[in-house]
């Protein structure tokens, strides 16, 4: 593993965040924040995840073919997990706690931190749309090396602790930087960076409710004409 040490650490941002900025001044800067959600926010997010867990029919297999999953050259999906796009579930974003908390990425405090990731930060600042996905990882699930076709990718990991499985860690594969899976940990990086999720291995295969949940916020750019039409259609 290459050593991609953090250039700056900011403690207790927003009275709770523990922030690390990695790779400042290199081609691969990214930001990691622990304690992303407050206690109340985390509780609300878990209630939404629990709702999806009780309604398993809402989840889709990551079989590929619809353009939302990275595939190998032969068309086989690089992912083994289940997923939900919140835009397909909620007509009103405000009905989702997870989408409601997107305000955090647009605060001045967060933008000040992300500006260490120049010049990529400019594409985050100019992004005019978001898409949110929840991925559900169980025994044997993974996502092989891929990149996302958006501007920025923000991952928030939710895990019941103590964990009853091994694996599930994350790696930025271009720089061989592995990030340990922790509950309420957020990592944000330019979507063009290659990344992967290591397979999960349960300690007890009969326990079906102990997996990893990843909230992914994709930041995108729509042409001005499309953005205008989206506003008209609201």
C-alpha atoms as a PDB file:
ATOM      1  CA  UNK A   1       0.000   0.000   0.000  1.00  0.00           C
ATOM      2  CA  UNK A   2       1.246   3.455  -0.878  1.00  0.00           C
ATOM      3  CA  UNK A   3       1.420   6.014   1.896  1.00  0.00           C
ATOM      4  CA  UNK A   4      -0.994   8.824   1.042  1.00  0.00           C
ATOM      5  CA  UNK A   5      -0.775  10.754   4.286  1.00  0.00           C
ATOM      6  CA  UNK A   6      -3.117  13.520   5.267  1.00  0.00           C
ATOM      7  CA  UNK A   7      -1.850  17.058   4.821  1.00  0.00           C
ATOM      8  CA  UNK A   8      -4.194  18.635   7.323  1.00  0.00           C
ATOM      9  CA  UNK A   9      -6.409  17.517  10.164  1.00  0.00           C
ATOM     10  CA  UNK A  10      -9.263  19.658  11.445  1.00  0.00           C
ATOM     11  CA  UNK A  11     -10.746  18.532  14.757  1.00  0.00           C
ATOM     12  CA  UNK A  12     -14.324  19.079  15.910  1.00  0.00           C
ATOM     13  CA  UNK A  13     -15.487  21.017  12.883  1.00  0.00           C
ATOM     14  CA  UNK A  14     -19.185  21.862  13.475  1.00  0.00           C
ATOM     15  CA  UNK A  15     -18.543  20.716  17.091  1.00  0.00           C
ATOM     16  CA  UNK A  16     -18.608  17.089  15.982  1.00  0.00           C
ATOM     17  CA  UNK A  17     -16.719  16.493  12.741  1.00  0.00           C
ATOM     18  CA  UNK A  18     -13.238  14.986  12.751  1.00  0.00           C
ATOM     19  CA  UNK A  19     -11.781  15.959   9.402  1.00  0.00           C
ATOM     20  CA  UNK A  20      -8.800  14.674   7.460  1.00  0.00           C
ATOM     21  CA  UNK A  21      -7.750  16.109   4.092  1.00  0.00           C
ATOM     22  CA  UNK A  22      -5.523  13.757   2.107  1.00  0.00           C
ATOM     23  CA  UNK A  23      -3.288  14.354  -0.880  1.00  0.00           C
ATOM     24  CA  UNK A  24      -3.407  18.137  -0.951  1.00  0.00           C
ATOM     25  CA  UNK A  25      -1.291  19.335  -3.880  1.00  0.00           C
ATOM     26  CA  UNK A  26      -1.248  15.877  -5.478  1.00  0.00           C
ATOM     27  CA  UNK A  27      -3.391  14.518  -8.346  1.00  0.00           C
ATOM     28  CA  UNK A  28      -5.499  12.549  -5.831  1.00  0.00           C
ATOM     29  CA  UNK A  29      -6.865  14.773  -3.047  1.00  0.00           C
ATOM     30  CA  UNK A  30      -9.887  13.653  -1.026  1.00  0.00           C
ATOM     31  CA  UNK A  31     -11.591  14.366   2.291  1.00  0.00           C
ATOM     32  CA  UNK A  32     -12.585  11.977   5.090  1.00  0.00           C
ATOM     33  CA  UNK A  33     -14.895  13.066   7.913  1.00  0.00           C
ATOM     34  CA  UNK A  34     -15.854  10.979  10.942  1.00  0.00           C
ATOM     35  CA  UNK A  35     -19.036  11.674  12.929  1.00  0.00           C
ATOM     36  CA  UNK A  36     -20.667  13.010   9.770  1.00  0.00           C
ATOM     37  CA  UNK A  37     -24.209  12.882  11.122  1.00  0.00           C
ATOM     38  CA  UNK A  38     -25.163  14.272  14.505  1.00  0.00           C
ATOM     39  CA  UNK A  39     -26.723  11.808  16.955  1.00  0.00           C
ATOM     40  CA  UNK A  40     -30.250  12.898  16.031  1.00  0.00           C
ATOM     41  CA  UNK A  41     -29.500  12.808  12.306  1.00  0.00           C
ATOM     42  CA  UNK A  42     -27.921   9.378  12.620  1.00  0.00           C
ATOM     43  CA  UNK A  43     -30.981   8.064  14.424  1.00  0.00           C
ATOM     44  CA  UNK A  44     -33.247   9.400  11.669  1.00  0.00           C
ATOM     45  CA  UNK A  45     -31.056   7.892   8.955  1.00  0.00           C
ATOM     46  CA  UNK A  46     -31.146   4.506  10.670  1.00  0.00           C
ATOM     47  CA  UNK A  47     -34.949   4.680  10.806  1.00  0.00           C
ATOM     48  CA  UNK A  48     -35.007   5.179   7.025  1.00  0.00           C
ATOM     49  CA  UNK A  49     -32.555   2.336   6.432  1.00  0.00           C
ATOM     50  CA  UNK A  50     -34.618   0.090   8.702  1.00  0.00           C
ATOM     51  CA  UNK A  51     -37.693   0.933   6.609  1.00  0.00           C
ATOM     52  CA  UNK A  52     -35.910  -0.215   3.453  1.00  0.00           C
ATOM     53  CA  UNK A  53     -34.726  -3.359   5.221  1.00  0.00           C
ATOM     54  CA  UNK A  54     -38.331  -4.200   6.140  1.00  0.00           C
ATOM     55  CA  UNK A  55     -39.414  -3.608   2.526  1.00  0.00           C
ATOM     56  CA  UNK A  56     -36.897  -5.695   0.672  1.00  0.00           C
ATOM     57  CA  UNK A  57     -38.932  -5.550  -2.553  1.00  0.00           C
ATOM     58  CA  UNK A  58     -37.761  -1.947  -3.060  1.00  0.00           C
ATOM     59  CA  UNK A  59     -34.182  -3.089  -3.615  1.00  0.00           C
ATOM     60  CA  UNK A  60     -32.718  -3.855  -7.029  1.00  0.00           C
ATOM     61  CA  UNK A  61     -29.933  -6.300  -7.807  1.00  0.00           C
ATOM     62  CA  UNK A  62     -26.757  -4.766  -9.220  1.00  0.00           C
ATOM     63  CA  UNK A  63     -26.879  -6.932 -12.325  1.00  0.00           C
ATOM     64  CA  UNK A  64     -25.900  -4.129 -14.687  1.00  0.00           C
ATOM     65  CA  UNK A  65     -27.338  -3.423 -18.106  1.00  0.00           C
ATOM     66  CA  UNK A  66     -29.144  -0.205 -17.187  1.00  0.00           C
ATOM     67  CA  UNK A  67     -26.057   2.013 -17.080  1.00  0.00           C
ATOM     68  CA  UNK A  68     -26.180   2.491 -13.303  1.00  0.00           C
ATOM     69  CA  UNK A  69     -23.600  -0.220 -12.521  1.00  0.00           C
ATOM     70  CA  UNK A  70     -20.020  -0.480 -13.787  1.00  0.00           C
ATOM     71  CA  UNK A  71     -19.380  -3.589 -15.882  1.00  0.00           C
ATOM     72  CA  UNK A  72     -16.453  -5.565 -17.223  1.00  0.00           C
ATOM     73  CA  UNK A  73     -15.738  -5.646 -20.966  1.00  0.00           C
ATOM     74  CA  UNK A  74     -18.026  -8.662 -21.331  1.00  0.00           C
ATOM     75  CA  UNK A  75     -20.951  -6.756 -19.788  1.00  0.00           C
ATOM     76  CA  UNK A  76     -20.872  -8.597 -16.465  1.00  0.00           C
ATOM     77  CA  UNK A  77     -21.519  -6.359 -13.452  1.00  0.00           C
ATOM     78  CA  UNK A  78     -18.547  -5.404 -11.295  1.00  0.00           C
ATOM     79  CA  UNK A  79     -20.846  -5.222  -8.265  1.00  0.00           C
ATOM     80  CA  UNK A  80     -22.602  -7.751  -6.089  1.00  0.00           C
ATOM     81  CA  UNK A  81     -25.019  -5.934  -3.800  1.00  0.00           C
ATOM     82  CA  UNK A  82     -28.507  -4.469  -3.768  1.00  0.00           C
ATOM     83  CA  UNK A  83     -29.374  -0.834  -4.215  1.00  0.00           C
ATOM     84  CA  UNK A  84     -32.097   1.775  -4.100  1.00  0.00           C
ATOM     85  CA  UNK A  85     -32.157   5.139  -5.873  1.00  0.00           C
ATOM     86  CA  UNK A  86     -34.089   7.486  -3.623  1.00  0.00           C
ATOM     87  CA  UNK A  87     -35.323   9.493  -6.609  1.00  0.00           C
ATOM     88  CA  UNK A  88     -37.299   6.432  -7.673  1.00  0.00           C
ATOM     89  CA  UNK A  89     -38.875   6.044  -4.221  1.00  0.00           C
ATOM     90  CA  UNK A  90     -39.693   9.596  -3.131  1.00  0.00           C
ATOM     91  CA  UNK A  91     -41.404  12.109  -5.395  1.00  0.00           C
ATOM     92  CA  UNK A  92     -40.641  14.743  -2.791  1.00  0.00           C
ATOM     93  CA  UNK A  93     -37.030  14.819  -1.577  1.00  0.00           C
ATOM     94  CA  UNK A  94     -38.149  16.255   1.753  1.00  0.00           C
ATOM     95  CA  UNK A  95     -39.854  12.934   2.535  1.00  0.00           C
ATOM     96  CA  UNK A  96     -36.389  11.408   3.016  1.00  0.00           C
ATOM     97  CA  UNK A  97     -34.200  12.146   6.026  1.00  0.00           C
ATOM     98  CA  UNK A  98     -31.169  11.137   3.975  1.00  0.00           C
ATOM     99  CA  UNK A  99     -31.926  13.655   1.231  1.00  0.00           C
ATOM    100  CA  UNK A 100     -32.817  16.329   3.790  1.00  0.00           C
ATOM    101  CA  UNK A 101     -29.294  16.128   5.188  1.00  0.00           C
ATOM    102  CA  UNK A 102     -27.739  16.985   1.824  1.00  0.00           C
ATOM    103  CA  UNK A 103     -27.655  20.551   3.113  1.00  0.00           C
ATOM    104  CA  UNK A 104     -24.502  19.612   5.046  1.00  0.00           C
ATOM    105  CA  UNK A 105     -22.406  19.374   1.860  1.00  0.00           C
ATOM    106  CA  UNK A 106     -23.477  22.881   0.865  1.00  0.00           C
ATOM    107  CA  UNK A 107     -22.568  24.620   4.112  1.00  0.00           C
ATOM    108  CA  UNK A 108     -19.767  27.182   4.105  1.00  0.00           C
ATOM    109  CA  UNK A 109     -17.856  25.056   6.654  1.00  0.00           C
ATOM    110  CA  UNK A 110     -17.852  22.049   4.345  1.00  0.00           C
ATOM    111  CA  UNK A 111     -16.945  24.066   1.260  1.00  0.00           C
ATOM    112  CA  UNK A 112     -14.015  25.599   3.127  1.00  0.00           C
ATOM    113  CA  UNK A 113     -12.676  22.109   3.795  1.00  0.00           C
ATOM    114  CA  UNK A 114     -13.243  20.838   0.261  1.00  0.00           C
ATOM    115  CA  UNK A 115     -11.399  23.789  -1.250  1.00  0.00           C
ATOM    116  CA  UNK A 116      -8.187  22.020  -0.238  1.00  0.00           C
ATOM    117  CA  UNK A 117      -8.978  19.651  -3.132  1.00  0.00           C
ATOM    118  CA  UNK A 118      -8.126  22.102  -5.886  1.00  0.00           C
ATOM    119  CA  UNK A 119      -8.551  22.217  -8.823  1.00  0.00           C
ATOM    120  CA  UNK A 120     -11.226  19.520  -8.586  1.00  0.00           C
ATOM    121  CA  UNK A 121     -13.222  21.579  -6.095  1.00  0.00           C
ATOM    122  CA  UNK A 122     -14.412  23.812  -8.915  1.00  0.00           C
ATOM    123  CA  UNK A 123     -16.478  20.982 -10.394  1.00  0.00           C
ATOM    124  CA  UNK A 124     -18.166  20.434  -7.022  1.00  0.00           C
ATOM    125  CA  UNK A 125     -18.975  24.116  -6.612  1.00  0.00           C
ATOM    126  CA  UNK A 126     -20.520  24.222 -10.095  1.00  0.00           C
ATOM    127  CA  UNK A 127     -22.537  21.002  -9.729  1.00  0.00           C
ATOM    128  CA  UNK A 128     -26.252  21.755 -10.079  1.00  0.00           C
ATOM    129  CA  UNK A 129     -27.825  18.367  -9.323  1.00  0.00           C
ATOM    130  CA  UNK A 130     -27.517  15.431  -6.938  1.00  0.00           C
ATOM    131  CA  UNK A 131     -28.559  11.792  -7.118  1.00  0.00           C
ATOM    132  CA  UNK A 132     -28.725   9.580  -4.040  1.00  0.00           C
ATOM    133  CA  UNK A 133     -28.301   5.813  -3.889  1.00  0.00           C
ATOM    134  CA  UNK A 134     -28.264   3.407  -0.950  1.00  0.00           C
ATOM    135  CA  UNK A 135     -26.244   0.207  -1.381  1.00  0.00           C
ATOM    136  CA  UNK A 136     -26.874  -2.843   0.792  1.00  0.00           C
ATOM    137  CA  UNK A 137     -23.893  -5.156   1.337  1.00  0.00           C
ATOM    138  CA  UNK A 138     -24.343  -8.606   2.839  1.00  0.00           C
ATOM    139  CA  UNK A 139     -22.192 -11.731   3.054  1.00  0.00           C
ATOM    140  CA  UNK A 140     -19.957 -12.043  -0.011  1.00  0.00           C
ATOM    141  CA  UNK A 141     -21.010  -8.706  -1.513  1.00  0.00           C
ATOM    142  CA  UNK A 142     -18.434  -6.378  -3.083  1.00  0.00           C
ATOM    143  CA  UNK A 143     -17.843  -3.767  -5.794  1.00  0.00           C
ATOM    144  CA  UNK A 144     -14.754  -4.264  -7.935  1.00  0.00           C
ATOM    145  CA  UNK A 145     -12.528  -1.427  -9.196  1.00  0.00           C
ATOM    146  CA  UNK A 146     -14.473   1.197 -11.152  1.00  0.00           C
ATOM    147  CA  UNK A 147     -15.014   4.929 -11.472  1.00  0.00           C
ATOM    148  CA  UNK A 148     -18.249   6.937 -11.532  1.00  0.00           C
ATOM    149  CA  UNK A 149     -19.474   8.991 -14.487  1.00  0.00           C
ATOM    150  CA  UNK A 150     -20.356  12.025 -12.358  1.00  0.00           C
ATOM    151  CA  UNK A 151     -18.395  14.991 -10.997  1.00  0.00           C
ATOM    152  CA  UNK A 152     -17.991  14.054  -7.321  1.00  0.00           C
ATOM    153  CA  UNK A 153     -18.869  10.987  -5.275  1.00  0.00           C
ATOM    154  CA  UNK A 154     -19.741  11.256  -1.576  1.00  0.00           C
ATOM    155  CA  UNK A 155     -19.971   8.023   0.433  1.00  0.00           C
ATOM    156  CA  UNK A 156     -21.409   7.745   3.938  1.00  0.00           C
ATOM    157  CA  UNK A 157     -21.066   4.378   5.667  1.00  0.00           C
ATOM    158  CA  UNK A 158     -23.592   3.107   8.152  1.00  0.00           C
ATOM    159  CA  UNK A 159     -22.738  -0.025  10.142  1.00  0.00           C
ATOM    160  CA  UNK A 160     -24.210  -1.533  13.290  1.00  0.00           C
ATOM    161  CA  UNK A 161     -21.326  -1.730  15.741  1.00  0.00           C
ATOM    162  CA  UNK A 162     -19.684  -3.863  16.884  1.00  0.00           C
ATOM    163  CA  UNK A 163     -19.400  -5.310  13.380  1.00  0.00           C
ATOM    164  CA  UNK A 164     -20.160  -9.001  13.025  1.00  0.00           C
ATOM    165  CA  UNK A 165     -18.285  -9.385   9.755  1.00  0.00           C
ATOM    166  CA  UNK A 166     -14.855  -8.896   8.235  1.00  0.00           C
ATOM    167  CA  UNK A 167     -14.069  -6.868   5.118  1.00  0.00           C
ATOM    168  CA  UNK A 168     -16.177  -4.169   3.542  1.00  0.00           C
ATOM    169  CA  UNK A 169     -13.296  -1.691   3.524  1.00  0.00           C
ATOM    170  CA  UNK A 170     -12.849   0.840   0.723  1.00  0.00           C
ATOM    171  CA  UNK A 171      -9.838   1.523  -1.489  1.00  0.00           C
ATOM    172  CA  UNK A 172      -8.870   4.304  -3.869  1.00  0.00           C
ATOM    173  CA  UNK A 173      -7.053   1.942  -6.182  1.00  0.00           C
ATOM    174  CA  UNK A 174      -5.072   4.479  -8.245  1.00  0.00           C
ATOM    175  CA  UNK A 175      -3.034   5.273  -5.131  1.00  0.00           C
ATOM    176  CA  UNK A 176      -3.603   1.973  -3.283  1.00  0.00           C
ATOM    177  CA  UNK A 177      -5.057   3.882  -0.317  1.00  0.00           C
ATOM    178  CA  UNK A 178      -7.285   1.643   1.790  1.00  0.00           C
ATOM    179  CA  UNK A 179      -9.848   3.220   4.136  1.00  0.00           C
ATOM    180  CA  UNK A 180     -11.259   1.260   7.056  1.00  0.00           C
ATOM    181  CA  UNK A 181     -15.006   0.832   7.210  1.00  0.00           C
ATOM    182  CA  UNK A 182     -16.462   2.723  10.187  1.00  0.00           C
ATOM    183  CA  UNK A 183     -19.974   3.742  11.102  1.00  0.00           C
ATOM    184  CA  UNK A 184     -20.938   7.352  10.310  1.00  0.00           C
ATOM    185  CA  UNK A 185     -17.763   7.900   8.279  1.00  0.00           C
ATOM    186  CA  UNK A 186     -17.917  10.026   5.132  1.00  0.00           C
ATOM    187  CA  UNK A 187     -15.415  10.162   2.280  1.00  0.00           C
ATOM    188  CA  UNK A 188     -15.757  12.461  -0.726  1.00  0.00           C
ATOM    189  CA  UNK A 189     -13.587  12.426  -3.847  1.00  0.00           C
ATOM    190  CA  UNK A 190     -13.700  13.280  -7.568  1.00  0.00           C
ATOM    191  CA  UNK A 191     -15.735  10.585  -9.285  1.00  0.00           C
ATOM    192  CA  UNK A 192     -13.023   9.891 -11.868  1.00  0.00           C
ATOM    193  CA  UNK A 193     -10.840   8.258  -9.189  1.00  0.00           C
ATOM    194  CA  UNK A 194     -10.847   4.460  -9.419  1.00  0.00           C
ATOM    195  CA  UNK A 195     -12.202   2.833  -6.265  1.00  0.00           C
ATOM    196  CA  UNK A 196     -13.410  -0.509  -4.955  1.00  0.00           C
ATOM    197  CA  UNK A 197     -15.250  -2.132  -2.025  1.00  0.00           C
ATOM    198  CA  UNK A 198     -13.776  -5.288  -0.481  1.00  0.00           C
ATOM    199  CA  UNK A 199     -16.059  -8.307   0.001  1.00  0.00           C
ATOM    200  CA  UNK A 200     -17.867  -8.848   3.287  1.00  0.00           C
ATOM    201  CA  UNK A 201     -17.489 -12.104   5.184  1.00  0.00           C
ATOM    202  CA  UNK A 202     -20.009 -12.755   7.951  1.00  0.00           C
ATOM    203  CA  UNK A 203     -18.956 -14.325  11.235  1.00  0.00           C
ATOM    204  CA  UNK A 204     -22.380 -16.001  11.427  1.00  0.00           C
ATOM    205  CA  UNK A 205     -23.944 -16.707   8.041  1.00  0.00           C
ATOM    206  CA  UNK A 206     -27.359 -17.186   9.686  1.00  0.00           C
ATOM    207  CA  UNK A 207     -27.513 -13.583  10.874  1.00  0.00           C
ATOM    208  CA  UNK A 208     -29.085 -11.712   7.949  1.00  0.00           C
ATOM    209  CA  UNK A 209     -29.276  -8.204   9.386  1.00  0.00           C
ATOM    210  CA  UNK A 210     -25.703  -7.229  10.160  1.00  0.00           C
ATOM    211  CA  UNK A 211     -24.386  -5.841   6.883  1.00  0.00           C
ATOM    212  CA  UNK A 212     -22.943  -2.620   5.573  1.00  0.00           C
ATOM    213  CA  UNK A 213     -25.040   0.238   4.227  1.00  0.00           C
ATOM    214  CA  UNK A 214     -23.534   2.885   1.943  1.00  0.00           C
ATOM    215  CA  UNK A 215     -25.282   6.160   1.218  1.00  0.00           C
ATOM    216  CA  UNK A 216     -23.901   7.574  -2.022  1.00  0.00           C
ATOM    217  CA  UNK A 217     -24.524  11.126  -3.140  1.00  0.00           C
ATOM    218  CA  UNK A 218     -23.488  11.776  -6.747  1.00  0.00           C
ATOM    219  CA  UNK A 219     -22.898  15.386  -7.811  1.00  0.00           C
ATOM    220  CA  UNK A 220     -23.670  16.147 -11.446  1.00  0.00           C
ATOM    221  CA  UNK A 221     -23.773  18.914 -14.026  1.00  0.00           C
ATOM    222  CA  UNK A 222     -26.840  19.458 -16.190  1.00  0.00           C
ATOM    223  CA  UNK A 223     -26.684  21.846 -19.165  1.00  0.00           C
ATOM    224  CA  UNK A 224     -28.377  25.165 -18.513  1.00  0.00           C
ATOM    225  CA  UNK A 225     -31.253  24.324 -20.871  1.00  0.00           C
ATOM    226  CA  UNK A 226     -31.911  21.064 -19.021  1.00  0.00           C
ATOM    227  CA  UNK A 227     -31.714  22.794 -15.635  1.00  0.00           C
ATOM    228  CA  UNK A 228     -34.220  25.384 -16.854  1.00  0.00           C
ATOM    229  CA  UNK A 229     -36.635  22.671 -17.964  1.00  0.00           C
ATOM    230  CA  UNK A 230     -36.217  20.830 -14.646  1.00  0.00           C
ATOM    231  CA  UNK A 231     -37.190  23.994 -12.794  1.00  0.00           C
ATOM    232  CA  UNK A 232     -40.202  24.552 -15.072  1.00  0.00           C
ATOM    233  CA  UNK A 233     -41.396  20.987 -14.496  1.00  0.00           C
ATOM    234  CA  UNK A 234     -41.358  21.277 -10.701  1.00  0.00           C
END
